[in-house]
PDB file of N, CA and C in Angstrom:
ATOM      1  N   MET A   1      39.740  49.263   6.379  1.00  0.00           N
ATOM      2  CA  MET A   1      40.131  48.624   7.625  1.00  0.00           C
ATOM      3  C   MET A   1      38.890  48.242   8.432  1.00  0.00           C
ATOM      4  N   GLN A   2      37.870  49.070   8.358  1.00  0.00           N
ATOM      5  CA  GLN A   2      36.664  48.761   9.110  1.00  0.00           C
ATOM      6  C   GLN A   2      36.038  47.461   8.618  1.00  0.00           C
ATOM      7  N   LYS A   3      35.990  47.271   7.292  1.00  0.00           N
ATOM      8  CA  LYS A   3      35.419  46.040   6.744  1.00  0.00           C
ATOM      9  C   LYS A   3      36.232  44.820   7.158  1.00  0.00           C
ATOM     10  N   VAL A   4      37.547  44.947   7.131  1.00  0.00           N
ATOM     11  CA  VAL A   4      38.414  43.838   7.539  1.00  0.00           C
ATOM     12  C   VAL A   4      38.186  43.510   9.010  1.00  0.00           C
ATOM     13  N   GLY A   5      38.192  44.535   9.847  1.00  0.00           N
ATOM     14  CA  GLY A   5      37.988  44.328  11.288  1.00  0.00           C
ATOM     15  C   GLY A   5      36.634  43.735  11.600  1.00  0.00           C
ATOM     16  N   THR A   6      35.596  44.244  10.953  1.00  0.00           N
ATOM     17  CA  THR A   6      34.243  43.742  11.191  1.00  0.00           C
ATOM     18  C   THR A   6      34.108  42.304  10.711  1.00  0.00           C
ATOM     19  N   GLY A   7      34.627  42.036   9.522  1.00  0.00           N
ATOM     20  CA  GLY A   7      34.550  40.685   8.973  1.00  0.00           C
ATOM     21  C   GLY A   7      35.287  39.677   9.832  1.00  0.00           C
ATOM     22  N   TYR A   8      36.485  40.032  10.268  1.00  0.00           N
ATOM     23  CA  TYR A   8      37.261  39.108  11.101  1.00  0.00           C
ATOM     24  C   TYR A   8      36.588  38.904  12.449  1.00  0.00           C
ATOM     25  N   SER A   9      36.066  39.971  13.035  1.00  0.00           N
ATOM     26  CA  SER A   9      35.369  39.848  14.328  1.00  0.00           C
ATOM     27  C   SER A   9      34.179  38.904  14.207  1.00  0.00           C
ATOM     28  N   TYR A  10      33.409  39.058  13.132  1.00  0.00           N
ATOM     29  CA  TYR A  10      32.252  38.185  12.912  1.00  0.00           C
ATOM     30  C   TYR A  10      32.708  36.731  12.790  1.00  0.00           C
ATOM     31  N   TYR A  11      33.736  36.492  11.979  1.00  0.00           N
ATOM     32  CA  TYR A  11      34.273  35.140  11.798  1.00  0.00           C
ATOM     33  C   TYR A  11      34.739  34.557  13.133  1.00  0.00           C
ATOM     34  N   PHE A  12      35.551  35.315  13.868  1.00  0.00           N
ATOM     35  CA  PHE A  12      36.126  34.840  15.118  1.00  0.00           C
ATOM     36  C   PHE A  12      35.032  34.546  16.143  1.00  0.00           C
ATOM     37  N   ASN A  13      34.084  35.461  16.274  1.00  0.00           N
ATOM     38  CA  ASN A  13      32.998  35.287  17.248  1.00  0.00           C
ATOM     39  C   ASN A  13      32.134  34.080  16.891  1.00  0.00           C
ATOM     40  N   THR A  14      31.880  33.862  15.604  1.00  0.00           N
ATOM     41  CA  THR A  14      31.095  32.706  15.175  1.00  0.00           C
ATOM     42  C   THR A  14      31.858  31.419  15.449  1.00  0.00           C
ATOM     43  N   LYS A  15      33.130  31.397  15.097  1.00  0.00           N
ATOM     44  CA  LYS A  15      33.944  30.188  15.270  1.00  0.00           C
ATOM     45  C   LYS A  15      34.065  29.782  16.736  1.00  0.00           C
ATOM     46  N   TYR A  16      34.231  30.757  17.627  1.00  0.00           N
ATOM     47  CA  TYR A  16      34.456  30.455  19.041  1.00  0.00           C
ATOM     48  C   TYR A  16      33.215  30.692  19.891  1.00  0.00           C
ATOM     49  N   ASN A  17      32.061  30.841  19.232  1.00  0.00           N
ATOM     50  CA  ASN A  17      30.785  30.984  19.928  1.00  0.00           C
ATOM     51  C   ASN A  17      30.863  32.050  21.025  1.00  0.00           C
ATOM     52  N   ARG A  18      31.268  33.223  20.635  1.00  0.00           N
ATOM     53  CA  ARG A  18      31.394  34.337  21.585  1.00  0.00           C
ATOM     54  C   ARG A  18      30.766  35.582  21.005  1.00  0.00           C
ATOM     55  N   ARG A  19      30.689  36.639  21.813  1.00  0.00           N
ATOM     56  CA  ARG A  19      30.099  37.904  21.390  1.00  0.00           C
ATOM     57  C   ARG A  19      30.999  39.041  21.828  1.00  0.00           C
ATOM     58  N   GLY A  20      30.856  40.170  21.173  1.00  0.00           N
ATOM     59  CA  GLY A  20      31.565  41.363  21.608  1.00  0.00           C
ATOM     60  C   GLY A  20      32.715  41.764  20.697  1.00  0.00           C
ATOM     61  N   ALA A  21      33.321  42.859  21.061  1.00  0.00           N
ATOM     62  CA  ALA A  21      34.420  43.425  20.276  1.00  0.00           C
ATOM     63  C   ALA A  21      35.716  42.639  20.478  1.00  0.00           C
ATOM     64  N   LEU A  22      36.520  42.573  19.433  1.00  0.00           N
ATOM     65  CA  LEU A  22      37.839  41.939  19.521  1.00  0.00           C
ATOM     66  C   LEU A  22      38.944  42.969  19.651  1.00  0.00           C
ATOM     67  N   PHE A  23      38.725  44.142  19.099  1.00  0.00           N
ATOM     68  CA  PHE A  23      39.765  45.155  19.023  1.00  0.00           C
ATOM     69  C   PHE A  23      39.414  46.345  19.904  1.00  0.00           C
ATOM     70  N   HIS A  24      40.415  46.918  20.532  1.00  0.00           N
ATOM     71  CA  HIS A  24      40.234  48.101  21.358  1.00  0.00           C
ATOM     72  C   HIS A  24      40.551  49.342  20.537  1.00  0.00           C
ATOM     73  N   GLY A  25      39.694  50.323  20.611  1.00  0.00           N
ATOM     74  CA  GLY A  25      39.948  51.569  19.909  1.00  0.00           C
ATOM     75  C   GLY A  25      39.738  51.437  18.413  1.00  0.00           C
ATOM     76  N   SER A  26      39.829  52.553  17.749  1.00  0.00           N
ATOM     77  CA  SER A  26      39.621  52.552  16.311  1.00  0.00           C
ATOM     78  C   SER A  26      40.954  52.652  15.574  1.00  0.00           C
ATOM     79  N   PHE A  27      40.934  52.250  14.318  1.00  0.00           N
ATOM     80  CA  PHE A  27      42.104  52.348  13.469  1.00  0.00           C
ATOM     81  C   PHE A  27      42.413  53.818  13.222  1.00  0.00           C
ATOM     82  N   LYS A  28      43.660  54.202  13.409  1.00  0.00           N
ATOM     83  CA  LYS A  28      44.049  55.606  13.254  1.00  0.00           C
ATOM     84  C   LYS A  28      45.174  55.720  12.232  1.00  0.00           C
ATOM     85  N   PRO A  29      44.821  55.931  10.979  1.00  0.00           N
ATOM     86  CA  PRO A  29      45.875  56.057   9.965  1.00  0.00           C
ATOM     87  C   PRO A  29      46.663  57.351  10.150  1.00  0.00           C
ATOM     88  N   VAL A  30      47.951  57.282   9.838  1.00  0.00           N
ATOM     89  CA  VAL A  30      48.817  58.453   9.918  1.00  0.00           C
ATOM     90  C   VAL A  30      49.499  58.613   8.561  1.00  0.00           C
ATOM     91  N   LEU A  31      49.398  59.786   7.995  1.00  0.00           N
ATOM     92  CA  LEU A  31      50.043  60.061   6.717  1.00  0.00           C
ATOM     93  C   LEU A  31      51.550  60.195   6.921  1.00  0.00           C
ATOM     94  N   ILE A  32      52.321  59.438   6.155  1.00  0.00           N
ATOM     95  CA  ILE A  32      53.778  59.541   6.219  1.00  0.00           C
ATOM     96  C   ILE A  32      54.183  60.687   5.309  1.00  0.00           C
ATOM     97  N   LYS A  33      54.786  61.722   5.891  1.00  0.00           N
ATOM     98  CA  LYS A  33      55.036  62.966   5.172  1.00  0.00           C
ATOM     99  C   LYS A  33      56.458  63.128   4.650  1.00  0.00           C
ATOM    100  N   ASP A  34      57.423  62.427   5.256  1.00  0.00           N
ATOM    101  CA  ASP A  34      58.807  62.642   4.838  1.00  0.00           C
ATOM    102  C   ASP A  34      59.635  61.374   5.034  1.00  0.00           C
ATOM    103  N   ASN A  35      60.864  61.387   4.493  1.00  0.00           N
ATOM    104  CA  ASN A  35      61.736  60.213   4.584  1.00  0.00           C
ATOM    105  C   ASN A  35      62.068  59.797   6.006  1.00  0.00           C
ATOM    106  N   PRO A  36      62.396  60.723   6.917  1.00  0.00           N
ATOM    107  CA  PRO A  36      62.691  60.268   8.281  1.00  0.00           C
ATOM    108  C   PRO A  36      61.520  59.505   8.917  1.00  0.00           C
ATOM    109  N   GLN A  37      60.308  59.957   8.671  1.00  0.00           N
ATOM    110  CA  GLN A  37      59.136  59.266   9.200  1.00  0.00           C
ATOM    111  C   GLN A  37      58.968  57.906   8.516  1.00  0.00           C
ATOM    112  N   PHE A  38      59.203  57.865   7.209  1.00  0.00           N
ATOM    113  CA  PHE A  38      59.130  56.620   6.448  1.00  0.00           C
ATOM    114  C   PHE A  38      60.140  55.604   6.984  1.00  0.00           C
ATOM    115  N   LEU A  39      61.342  56.057   7.249  1.00  0.00           N
ATOM    116  CA  LEU A  39      62.376  55.172   7.785  1.00  0.00           C
ATOM    117  C   LEU A  39      62.021  54.693   9.185  1.00  0.00           C
ATOM    118  N   HIS A  40      61.575  55.609  10.007  1.00  0.00           N
ATOM    119  CA  HIS A  40      61.280  55.245  11.397  1.00  0.00           C
ATOM    120  C   HIS A  40      60.122  54.254  11.478  1.00  0.00           C
ATOM    121  N   ILE A  41      59.122  54.395  10.629  1.00  0.00           N
ATOM    122  CA  ILE A  41      57.985  53.480  10.708  1.00  0.00           C
ATOM    123  C   ILE A  41      58.413  52.052  10.385  1.00  0.00           C
ATOM    124  N   SER A  42      59.372  51.888   9.486  1.00  0.00           N
ATOM    125  CA  SER A  42      59.857  50.532   9.195  1.00  0.00           C
ATOM    126  C   SER A  42      60.572  49.958  10.416  1.00  0.00           C
ATOM    127  N   ARG A  43      61.359  50.787  11.071  1.00  0.00           N
ATOM    128  CA  ARG A  43      62.059  50.334  12.273  1.00  0.00           C
ATOM    129  C   ARG A  43      61.042  49.976  13.356  1.00  0.00           C
ATOM    130  N   TYR A  44      60.044  50.814  13.534  1.00  0.00           N
ATOM    131  CA  TYR A  44      59.011  50.580  14.546  1.00  0.00           C
ATOM    132  C   TYR A  44      58.279  49.263  14.286  1.00  0.00           C
ATOM    133  N   ILE A  45      57.918  49.016  13.042  1.00  0.00           N
ATOM    134  CA  ILE A  45      57.198  47.784  12.705  1.00  0.00           C
ATOM    135  C   ILE A  45      58.048  46.562  13.031  1.00  0.00           C
ATOM    136  N   HIS A  46      59.327  46.601  12.651  1.00  0.00           N
ATOM    137  CA  HIS A  46      60.180  45.438  12.888  1.00  0.00           C
ATOM    138  C   HIS A  46      60.500  45.242  14.365  1.00  0.00           C
ATOM    139  N   LEU A  47      60.706  46.318  15.091  1.00  0.00           N
ATOM    140  CA  LEU A  47      61.046  46.196  16.509  1.00  0.00           C
ATOM    141  C   LEU A  47      59.828  45.877  17.374  1.00  0.00           C
ATOM    142  N   ASN A  48      58.640  46.105  16.852  1.00  0.00           N
ATOM    143  CA  ASN A  48      57.412  45.883  17.603  1.00  0.00           C
ATOM    144  C   ASN A  48      57.313  44.471  18.178  1.00  0.00           C
ATOM    145  N   VAL A  49      57.872  43.489  17.498  1.00  0.00           N
ATOM    146  CA  VAL A  49      57.833  42.103  17.976  1.00  0.00           C
ATOM    147  C   VAL A  49      58.535  41.966  19.331  1.00  0.00           C
ATOM    148  N   LEU A  50      59.423  42.887  19.641  1.00  0.00           N
ATOM    149  CA  LEU A  50      60.162  42.802  20.902  1.00  0.00           C
ATOM    150  C   LEU A  50      59.264  43.047  22.113  1.00  0.00           C
ATOM    151  N   ASP A  51      58.054  43.544  21.894  1.00  0.00           N
ATOM    152  CA  ASP A  51      57.100  43.665  22.998  1.00  0.00           C
ATOM    153  C   ASP A  51      56.886  42.321  23.674  1.00  0.00           C
ATOM    154  N   LEU A  52      57.043  41.234  22.933  1.00  0.00           N
ATOM    155  CA  LEU A  52      56.840  39.894  23.477  1.00  0.00           C
ATOM    156  C   LEU A  52      57.977  39.450  24.385  1.00  0.00           C
ATOM    157  N   SER A  53      59.176  39.958  24.156  1.00  0.00           N
ATOM    158  CA  SER A  53      60.336  39.490  24.916  1.00  0.00           C
ATOM    159  C   SER A  53      61.019  40.580  25.742  1.00  0.00           C
ATOM    160  N   ASP A  54      60.979  41.821  25.265  1.00  0.00           N
ATOM    161  CA  ASP A  54      61.708  42.895  25.946  1.00  0.00           C
ATOM    162  C   ASP A  54      61.053  44.246  25.665  1.00  0.00           C
ATOM    163  N   PRO A  55      59.968  44.567  26.390  1.00  0.00           N
ATOM    164  CA  PRO A  55      59.246  45.813  26.135  1.00  0.00           C
ATOM    165  C   PRO A  55      60.078  47.085  26.350  1.00  0.00           C
ATOM    166  N   SER A  56      61.219  46.983  26.987  1.00  0.00           N
ATOM    167  CA  SER A  56      62.044  48.170  27.216  1.00  0.00           C
ATOM    168  C   SER A  56      62.654  48.717  25.930  1.00  0.00           C
ATOM    169  N   TRP A  57      62.478  48.010  24.814  1.00  0.00           N
ATOM    170  CA  TRP A  57      63.002  48.509  23.536  1.00  0.00           C
ATOM    171  C   TRP A  57      62.399  49.862  23.199  1.00  0.00           C
ATOM    172  N   ARG A  58      61.182  50.100  23.643  1.00  0.00           N
ATOM    173  CA  ARG A  58      60.497  51.353  23.327  1.00  0.00           C
ATOM    174  C   ARG A  58      61.188  52.553  23.970  1.00  0.00           C
ATOM    175  N   GLU A  59      61.968  52.292  24.988  1.00  0.00           N
ATOM    176  CA  GLU A  59      62.737  53.352  25.652  1.00  0.00           C
ATOM    177  C   GLU A  59      64.174  53.393  25.148  1.00  0.00           C
ATOM    178  N   GLY A  60      64.474  52.624  24.115  1.00  0.00           N
ATOM    179  CA  GLY A  60      65.827  52.588  23.571  1.00  0.00           C
ATOM    180  C   GLY A  60      66.766  51.756  24.406  1.00  0.00           C
ATOM    181  N   LYS A  61      66.215  50.766  25.100  1.00  0.00           N
ATOM    182  CA  LYS A  61      67.037  49.954  25.991  1.00  0.00           C
ATOM    183  C   LYS A  61      67.079  48.500  25.530  1.00  0.00           C
ATOM    184  N   ILE A  62      67.700  48.277  24.395  1.00  0.00           N
ATOM    185  CA  ILE A  62      67.921  46.910  23.928  1.00  0.00           C
ATOM    186  C   ILE A  62      69.366  46.581  24.287  1.00  0.00           C
ATOM    187  N   TYR A  63      69.540  45.801  25.321  1.00  0.00           N
ATOM    188  CA  TYR A  63      70.885  45.521  25.812  1.00  0.00           C
ATOM    189  C   TYR A  63      71.549  44.347  25.107  1.00  0.00           C
ATOM    190  N   ASN A  64      70.733  43.506  24.464  1.00  0.00           N
ATOM    191  CA  ASN A  64      71.288  42.360  23.750  1.00  0.00           C
ATOM    192  C   ASN A  64      70.752  42.382  22.322  1.00  0.00           C
ATOM    193  N   TRP A  65      71.476  43.062  21.441  1.00  0.00           N
ATOM    194  CA  TRP A  65      71.017  43.216  20.066  1.00  0.00           C
ATOM    195  C   TRP A  65      70.913  41.868  19.355  1.00  0.00           C
ATOM    196  N   ASP A  66      71.845  40.965  19.611  1.00  0.00           N
ATOM    197  CA  ASP A  66      71.818  39.667  18.934  1.00  0.00           C
ATOM    198  C   ASP A  66      70.540  38.901  19.258  1.00  0.00           C
ATOM    199  N   LEU A  67      70.105  38.950  20.511  1.00  0.00           N
ATOM    200  CA  LEU A  67      68.863  38.283  20.902  1.00  0.00           C
ATOM    201  C   LEU A  67      67.658  38.989  20.273  1.00  0.00           C
ATOM    202  N   ALA A  68      67.672  40.305  20.266  1.00  0.00           N
ATOM    203  CA  ALA A  68      66.580  41.063  19.646  1.00  0.00           C
ATOM    204  C   ALA A  68      66.485  40.723  18.160  1.00  0.00           C
ATOM    205  N   LYS A  69      67.620  40.684  17.503  1.00  0.00           N
ATOM    206  CA  LYS A  69      67.664  40.362  16.067  1.00  0.00           C
ATOM    207  C   LYS A  69      67.121  38.958  15.816  1.00  0.00           C
ATOM    208  N   LYS A  70      67.513  38.011  16.653  1.00  0.00           N
ATOM    209  CA  LYS A  70      67.022  36.637  16.522  1.00  0.00           C
ATOM    210  C   LYS A  70      65.503  36.599  16.686  1.00  0.00           C
ATOM    211  N   ASN A  71      64.980  37.353  17.661  1.00  0.00           N
ATOM    212  CA  ASN A  71      63.526  37.392  17.858  1.00  0.00           C
ATOM    213  C   ASN A  71      62.820  37.965  16.632  1.00  0.00           C
ATOM    214  N   MET A  72      63.385  39.003  16.029  1.00  0.00           N
ATOM    215  CA  MET A  72      62.778  39.581  14.827  1.00  0.00           C
ATOM    216  C   MET A  72      62.847  38.609  13.652  1.00  0.00           C
ATOM    217  N   GLU A  73      63.926  37.858  13.551  1.00  0.00           N
ATOM    218  CA  GLU A  73      64.090  36.911  12.453  1.00  0.00           C
ATOM    219  C   GLU A  73      63.206  35.679  12.630  1.00  0.00           C
ATOM    220  N   ASP A  74      63.004  35.253  13.884  1.00  0.00           N
ATOM    221  CA  ASP A  74      62.276  34.015  14.152  1.00  0.00           C
ATOM    222  C   ASP A  74      60.762  34.195  14.250  1.00  0.00           C
ATOM    223  N   TYR A  75      60.300  35.406  14.526  1.00  0.00           N
ATOM    224  CA  TYR A  75      58.863  35.626  14.678  1.00  0.00           C
ATOM    225  C   TYR A  75      58.171  35.369  13.337  1.00  0.00           C
ATOM    226  N   SER A  76      57.195  34.486  13.349  1.00  0.00           N
ATOM    227  CA  SER A  76      56.608  34.026  12.086  1.00  0.00           C
ATOM    228  C   SER A  76      55.907  35.121  11.283  1.00  0.00           C
ATOM    229  N   TRP A  77      55.461  36.213  11.921  1.00  0.00           N
ATOM    230  CA  TRP A  77      54.749  37.272  11.204  1.00  0.00           C
ATOM    231  C   TRP A  77      55.639  38.454  10.861  1.00  0.00           C
ATOM    232  N   SER A  78      56.917  38.355  11.154  1.00  0.00           N
ATOM    233  CA  SER A  78      57.840  39.463  10.913  1.00  0.00           C
ATOM    234  C   SER A  78      58.303  39.508   9.456  1.00  0.00           C
ATOM    235  N   SER A  79      58.401  40.715   8.915  1.00  0.00           N
ATOM    236  CA  SER A  79      58.952  40.878   7.566  1.00  0.00           C
ATOM    237  C   SER A  79      60.440  41.217   7.622  1.00  0.00           C
ATOM    238  N   TYR A  80      61.013  41.269   8.815  1.00  0.00           N
ATOM    239  CA  TYR A  80      62.433  41.609   8.958  1.00  0.00           C
ATOM    240  C   TYR A  80      63.338  40.710   8.110  1.00  0.00           C
ATOM    241  N   PRO A  81      63.133  39.370   8.118  1.00  0.00           N
ATOM    242  CA  PRO A  81      64.002  38.530   7.271  1.00  0.00           C
ATOM    243  C   PRO A  81      63.889  38.867   5.782  1.00  0.00           C
ATOM    244  N   ILE A  82      62.744  39.353   5.356  1.00  0.00           N
ATOM    245  CA  ILE A  82      62.566  39.758   3.954  1.00  0.00           C
ATOM    246  C   ILE A  82      63.398  41.014   3.684  1.00  0.00           C
ATOM    247  N   PHE A  83      63.364  41.959   4.605  1.00  0.00           N
ATOM    248  CA  PHE A  83      64.141  43.188   4.456  1.00  0.00           C
ATOM    249  C   PHE A  83      65.637  42.912   4.515  1.00  0.00           C
ATOM    250  N   MET A  84      66.013  41.850   5.211  1.00  0.00           N
ATOM    251  CA  MET A  84      67.427  41.504   5.328  1.00  0.00           C
ATOM    252  C   MET A  84      67.895  40.578   4.199  1.00  0.00           C
ATOM    253  N   GLY A  85      66.999  40.248   3.268  1.00  0.00           N
ATOM    254  CA  GLY A  85      67.369  39.414   2.128  1.00  0.00           C
ATOM    255  C   GLY A  85      67.449  37.939   2.449  1.00  0.00           C
ATOM    256  N   GLN A  86      66.913  37.522   3.596  1.00  0.00           N
ATOM    257  CA  GLN A  86      66.977  36.121   4.009  1.00  0.00           C
ATOM    258  C   GLN A  86      65.807  35.296   3.489  1.00  0.00           C
ATOM    259  N   LYS A  87      64.704  35.969   3.160  1.00  0.00           N
ATOM    260  CA  LYS A  87      63.512  35.308   2.652  1.00  0.00           C
ATOM    261  C   LYS A  87      62.946  36.133   1.503  1.00  0.00           C
ATOM    262  N   ARG A  88      62.090  35.499   0.727  1.00  0.00           N
ATOM    263  CA  ARG A  88      61.382  36.181  -0.361  1.00  0.00           C
ATOM    264  C   ARG A  88      59.899  36.215  -0.016  1.00  0.00           C
ATOM    265  N   SER A  89      59.209  37.170  -0.624  1.00  0.00           N
ATOM    266  CA  SER A  89      57.779  37.294  -0.384  1.00  0.00           C
ATOM    267  C   SER A  89      57.092  37.817  -1.638  1.00  0.00           C
ATOM    268  N   ASP A  90      55.871  37.335  -1.866  1.00  0.00           N
ATOM    269  CA  ASP A  90      55.081  37.827  -2.990  1.00  0.00           C
ATOM    270  C   ASP A  90      54.318  39.103  -2.644  1.00  0.00           C
ATOM    271  N   PHE A  91      54.141  39.369  -1.363  1.00  0.00           N
ATOM    272  CA  PHE A  91      53.335  40.533  -0.979  1.00  0.00           C
ATOM    273  C   PHE A  91      54.124  41.638  -0.301  1.00  0.00           C
ATOM    274  N   CYS A  92      55.312  41.367   0.157  1.00  0.00           N
ATOM    275  CA  CYS A  92      56.137  42.381   0.830  1.00  0.00           C
ATOM    276  C   CYS A  92      57.269  42.782  -0.111  1.00  0.00           C
ATOM    277  N   HIS A  93      57.330  44.073  -0.430  1.00  0.00           N
ATOM    278  CA  HIS A  93      58.327  44.570  -1.378  1.00  0.00           C
ATOM    279  C   HIS A  93      59.144  45.689  -0.724  1.00  0.00           C
ATOM    280  N   PRO A  94      60.282  45.332  -0.129  1.00  0.00           N
ATOM    281  CA  PRO A  94      61.073  46.313   0.618  1.00  0.00           C
ATOM    282  C   PRO A  94      61.989  47.178  -0.238  1.00  0.00           C
ATOM    283  N   GLU A  95      61.935  47.033  -1.549  1.00  0.00           N
ATOM    284  CA  GLU A  95      62.899  47.701  -2.421  1.00  0.00           C
ATOM    285  C   GLU A  95      62.916  49.213  -2.243  1.00  0.00           C
ATOM    286  N   ARG A  96      61.764  49.833  -2.130  1.00  0.00           N
ATOM    287  CA  ARG A  96      61.718  51.300  -2.037  1.00  0.00           C
ATOM    288  C   ARG A  96      62.453  51.790  -0.790  1.00  0.00           C
ATOM    289  N   LEU A  97      62.253  51.103   0.299  1.00  0.00           N
ATOM    290  CA  LEU A  97      62.935  51.496   1.524  1.00  0.00           C
ATOM    291  C   LEU A  97      64.426  51.147   1.442  1.00  0.00           C
ATOM    292  N   LEU A  98      64.737  49.968   0.955  1.00  0.00           N
ATOM    293  CA  LEU A  98      66.135  49.522   0.941  1.00  0.00           C
ATOM    294  C   LEU A  98      66.997  50.300  -0.046  1.00  0.00           C
ATOM    295  N   GLU A  99      66.402  50.957  -1.026  1.00  0.00           N
ATOM    296  CA  GLU A  99      67.215  51.744  -1.962  1.00  0.00           C
ATOM    297  C   GLU A  99      67.850  52.952  -1.264  1.00  0.00           C
ATOM    298  N   ILE A 100      67.371  53.291  -0.094  1.00  0.00           N
ATOM    299  CA  ILE A 100      67.947  54.388   0.699  1.00  0.00           C
ATOM    300  C   ILE A 100      69.270  53.944   1.338  1.00  0.00           C
ATOM    301  N   PHE A 101      69.417  52.641   1.548  1.00  0.00           N
ATOM    302  CA  PHE A 101      70.606  52.091   2.194  1.00  0.00           C
ATOM    303  C   PHE A 101      71.528  51.453   1.154  1.00  0.00           C
ATOM    304  N   LYS A 102      72.815  51.381   1.480  1.00  0.00           N
ATOM    305  CA  LYS A 102      73.789  50.802   0.550  1.00  0.00           C
ATOM    306  C   LYS A 102      73.732  49.275   0.546  1.00  0.00           C
ATOM    307  N   SER A 103      73.313  48.692   1.676  1.00  0.00           N
ATOM    308  CA  SER A 103      73.305  47.239   1.796  1.00  0.00           C
ATOM    309  C   SER A 103      72.346  46.819   2.908  1.00  0.00           C
ATOM    310  N   HIS A 104      72.135  45.508   2.991  1.00  0.00           N
ATOM    311  CA  HIS A 104      71.319  44.979   4.084  1.00  0.00           C
ATOM    312  C   HIS A 104      71.991  45.269   5.425  1.00  0.00           C
ATOM    313  N   ALA A 105      73.303  45.238   5.444  1.00  0.00           N
ATOM    314  CA  ALA A 105      74.049  45.531   6.686  1.00  0.00           C
ATOM    315  C   ALA A 105      73.811  46.972   7.132  1.00  0.00           C
ATOM    316  N   ASP A 106      73.724  47.908   6.185  1.00  0.00           N
ATOM    317  CA  ASP A 106      73.425  49.299   6.532  1.00  0.00           C
ATOM    318  C   ASP A 106      72.035  49.422   7.143  1.00  0.00           C
ATOM    319  N   TYR A 107      71.073  48.651   6.601  1.00  0.00           N
ATOM    320  CA  TYR A 107      69.725  48.682   7.176  1.00  0.00           C
ATOM    321  C   TYR A 107      69.746  48.098   8.583  1.00  0.00           C
ATOM    322  N   GLU A 108      70.496  47.011   8.782  1.00  0.00           N
ATOM    323  CA  GLU A 108      70.610  46.433  10.125  1.00  0.00           C
ATOM    324  C   GLU A 108      71.232  47.437  11.088  1.00  0.00           C
ATOM    325  N   ASN A 109      72.247  48.159  10.646  1.00  0.00           N
ATOM    326  CA  ASN A 109      72.856  49.185  11.504  1.00  0.00           C
ATOM    327  C   ASN A 109      71.852  50.277  11.855  1.00  0.00           C
ATOM    328  N   PHE A 110      71.013  50.648  10.897  1.00  0.00           N
ATOM    329  CA  PHE A 110      69.949  51.616  11.158  1.00  0.00           C
ATOM    330  C   PHE A 110      69.005  51.088  12.238  1.00  0.00           C
ATOM    331  N   MET A 111      68.655  49.816  12.146  1.00  0.00           N
ATOM    332  CA  MET A 111      67.793  49.202  13.163  1.00  0.00           C
ATOM    333  C   MET A 111      68.493  49.205  14.518  1.00  0.00           C
ATOM    334  N   ARG A 112      69.750  48.872  14.514  1.00  0.00           N
ATOM    335  CA  ARG A 112      70.503  48.765  15.764  1.00  0.00           C
ATOM    336  C   ARG A 112      70.713  50.123  16.435  1.00  0.00           C
ATOM    337  N   GLU A 113      70.773  51.188  15.649  1.00  0.00           N
ATOM    338  CA  GLU A 113      70.947  52.534  16.216  1.00  0.00           C
ATOM    339  C   GLU A 113      69.911  52.827  17.288  1.00  0.00           C
ATOM    340  N   TRP A 114      68.700  52.346  17.093  1.00  0.00           N
ATOM    341  CA  TRP A 114      67.638  52.579  18.071  1.00  0.00           C
ATOM    342  C   TRP A 114      68.024  51.977  19.415  1.00  0.00           C
ATOM    343  N   SER A 115      68.625  50.801  19.379  1.00  0.00           N
ATOM    344  CA  SER A 115      68.981  50.137  20.632  1.00  0.00           C
ATOM    345  C   SER A 115      70.145  50.814  21.324  1.00  0.00           C
ATOM    346  N   GLU A 116      70.932  51.560  20.574  1.00  0.00           N
ATOM    347  CA  GLU A 116      72.119  52.181  21.160  1.00  0.00           C
ATOM    348  C   GLU A 116      71.896  53.623  21.576  1.00  0.00           C
ATOM    349  N   ARG A 117      70.764  54.225  21.235  1.00  0.00           N
ATOM    350  CA  ARG A 117      70.570  55.652  21.512  1.00  0.00           C
ATOM    351  C   ARG A 117      70.555  55.952  23.003  1.00  0.00           C
ATOM    352  N   GLU A 118      69.861  55.142  23.788  1.00  0.00           N
ATOM    353  CA  GLU A 118      69.810  55.370  25.233  1.00  0.00           C
ATOM    354  C   GLU A 118      71.172  55.088  25.864  1.00  0.00           C
ATOM    355  N   LEU A 119      71.824  54.026  25.403  1.00  0.00           N
ATOM    356  CA  LEU A 119      73.131  53.673  25.950  1.00  0.00           C
ATOM    357  C   LEU A 119      74.159  54.758  25.647  1.00  0.00           C
ATOM    358  N   ALA A 120      74.084  55.349  24.460  1.00  0.00           N
ATOM    359  CA  ALA A 120      75.022  56.409  24.098  1.00  0.00           C
ATOM    360  C   ALA A 120      74.836  57.631  24.990  1.00  0.00           C
ATOM    361  N   ILE A 121      73.598  57.962  25.306  1.00  0.00           N
ATOM    362  CA  ILE A 121      73.333  59.085  26.201  1.00  0.00           C
ATOM    363  C   ILE A 121      73.911  58.804  27.571  1.00  0.00           C
ATOM    364  N   THR A 122      73.731  57.575  28.066  1.00  0.00           N
ATOM    365  CA  THR A 122      74.268  57.192  29.357  1.00  0.00           C
ATOM    366  C   THR A 122      75.792  57.250  29.367  1.00  0.00           C
ATOM    367  N   ASP A 123      76.421  56.780  28.297  1.00  0.00           N
ATOM    368  CA  ASP A 123      77.882  56.793  28.206  1.00  0.00           C
ATOM    369  C   ASP A 123      78.420  58.219  28.236  1.00  0.00           C
ATOM    370  N   ASP A 124      77.702  59.149  27.630  1.00  0.00           N
ATOM    371  CA  ASP A 124      78.149  60.539  27.596  1.00  0.00           C
ATOM    372  C   ASP A 124      78.142  61.178  28.982  1.00  0.00           C
ATOM    373  N   LEU A 125      77.318  60.677  29.876  1.00  0.00           N
ATOM    374  CA  LEU A 125      77.215  61.259  31.203  1.00  0.00           C
ATOM    375  C   LEU A 125      78.349  60.825  32.122  1.00  0.00           C
ATOM    376  N   GLU A 126      79.004  59.746  31.783  1.00  0.00           N
ATOM    377  CA  GLU A 126      80.089  59.233  32.653  1.00  0.00           C
ATOM    378  C   GLU A 126      81.398  59.947  32.430  1.00  0.00           C
TER     379      GLU A 126
END
């Protein structure tokens, strides 16, 4: 990762005639130790695009799942459409993760659960 970051920084700084760091902080790899962590990291990666439109997703507050889903599907760097079987890719292989689910719809429901967790807690209080 250091070589990639350094190489890209050099390229970017040369191209735009600038100096200095492009990235804040250092790369911090985390070892995935179990299936729940493996599943959650996929959800986190796909939902991360929502920072652009609705940062409250991080608190479990996705009030419009259809809009969130559209944002994940439309974002050009998202692999969500590949995981949902809508696109193919030579470099992204979701099979290992998807074998845990019965269908693409089950994976979508897993993604949607995150958006409903805060709402479910609120509903229980009423």
